[in-house]
Amino acid sequence: MLRQSMVPLPEPPSDRLFNNADSFAQAFDEAWARHRRQHGELDLSARTDAVLAEVAEHPFAQSQPELARQVVDFRIRLLGL
């Protein structure tokens, strides 16, 4: 009988950024939650602008800023952020 050891796979680093909408959405969600913890409740427009500035260096935000903004607007509506 072949015996396999169950070695857990390492967690992928969360700082890996890819030039796609999924990677950008994940970075945005993390920044949104962090901003809320640090700054509490702000009006939606102010929080959105602040978080977008925080993730402005993301490759997707750099290459497709208009589409990145659409992703943000969609996530806010989808998740009720």
Protein backbone atom coordinates (compact mmCIF):
# COMPACT_ATOMS: atom_id res chain seq x y z
CA MET A 1 0.00 0.00 0.00
CA LEU A 2 1.35 3.41 -0.98
CA ARG A 3 1.31 5.87 1.84
CA GLN A 4 1.08 9.60 1.20
CA SER A 5 2.10 12.20 3.71
CA MET A 6 -0.19 15.16 4.01
CA VAL A 7 2.10 18.15 3.88
CA PRO A 8 0.16 21.40 3.81
CA LEU A 9 0.84 23.63 0.85
CA PRO A 10 2.21 27.06 1.70
CA GLU A 11 -0.15 29.97 1.45
CA PRO A 12 0.49 32.05 -1.65
CA PRO A 13 1.96 35.43 -0.79
CA SER A 14 -0.75 38.09 -0.67
CA ASP A 15 1.65 40.69 -2.04
CA ARG A 16 1.72 39.05 -5.47
CA LEU A 17 0.03 41.38 -7.91
CA PHE A 18 -1.13 40.52 -11.40
CA ASN A 19 -2.31 42.80 -14.15
CA ASN A 20 -5.92 41.60 -14.09
CA ALA A 21 -9.24 42.57 -12.58
CA ASP A 22 -9.31 39.69 -10.08
CA SER A 23 -5.97 40.63 -8.56
CA PHE A 24 -7.02 44.27 -8.45
CA ALA A 25 -10.35 43.41 -6.81
CA GLN A 26 -8.57 41.39 -4.13
CA ALA A 27 -6.13 44.26 -3.44
CA PHE A 28 -9.04 46.71 -3.34
CA ASP A 29 -11.03 44.56 -0.90
CA GLU A 30 -8.04 44.29 1.44
CA ALA A 31 -7.37 48.03 1.26
CA TRP A 32 -11.08 48.78 1.81
CA ALA A 33 -11.22 46.66 4.96
CA ARG A 34 -7.93 48.09 6.27
CA HIS A 35 -9.12 51.65 5.63
CA ARG A 36 -12.37 50.99 7.49
CA ARG A 37 -10.48 49.58 10.50
CA GLN A 38 -8.08 52.53 10.58
CA HIS A 39 -10.44 55.39 9.78
CA GLY A 40 -13.91 54.22 10.71
CA GLU A 41 -16.90 55.22 8.67
CA LEU A 42 -16.46 57.95 6.06
CA ASP A 43 -18.86 58.93 3.34
CA LEU A 44 -18.73 56.55 0.40
CA SER A 45 -17.12 58.99 -2.02
CA ALA A 46 -14.31 59.96 0.37
CA ARG A 47 -13.56 56.34 1.28
CA THR A 48 -13.61 55.25 -2.38
CA ASP A 49 -11.19 58.00 -3.38
CA ALA A 50 -8.86 57.23 -0.46
CA VAL A 51 -8.78 53.50 -1.18
CA LEU A 52 -8.31 54.05 -4.91
CA ALA A 53 -5.31 56.24 -4.09
CA GLU A 54 -3.97 53.45 -1.87
CA VAL A 55 -4.13 50.86 -4.67
CA ALA A 56 -3.09 53.26 -7.44
CA GLU A 57 0.23 51.46 -7.93
CA HIS A 58 -1.47 48.14 -8.70
CA PRO A 59 -0.55 47.03 -12.25
CA PHE A 60 -4.22 46.84 -13.31
CA ALA A 61 -4.96 50.33 -11.98
CA GLN A 62 -1.92 51.61 -13.87
CA SER A 63 -2.73 49.95 -17.19
CA GLN A 64 -6.54 50.33 -17.18
CA PRO A 65 -7.61 53.06 -14.75
CA GLU A 66 -11.13 53.45 -16.17
CA LEU A 67 -11.79 49.73 -15.95
CA ALA A 68 -10.31 49.62 -12.45
CA ARG A 69 -12.82 52.27 -11.39
CA GLN A 70 -15.63 50.18 -12.88
CA VAL A 71 -14.40 47.16 -10.89
CA VAL A 72 -14.46 49.27 -7.72
CA ASP A 73 -17.98 50.55 -8.39
CA PHE A 74 -19.16 47.00 -9.12
CA ARG A 75 -17.60 45.59 -5.94
CA ILE A 76 -19.14 48.33 -3.81
CA ARG A 77 -22.59 47.55 -5.24
CA LEU A 78 -22.08 43.76 -5.22
CA LEU A 79 -20.77 43.51 -1.67
CA GLY A 80 -22.75 46.39 -0.22
CA LEU A 81 -19.55 48.04 0.93
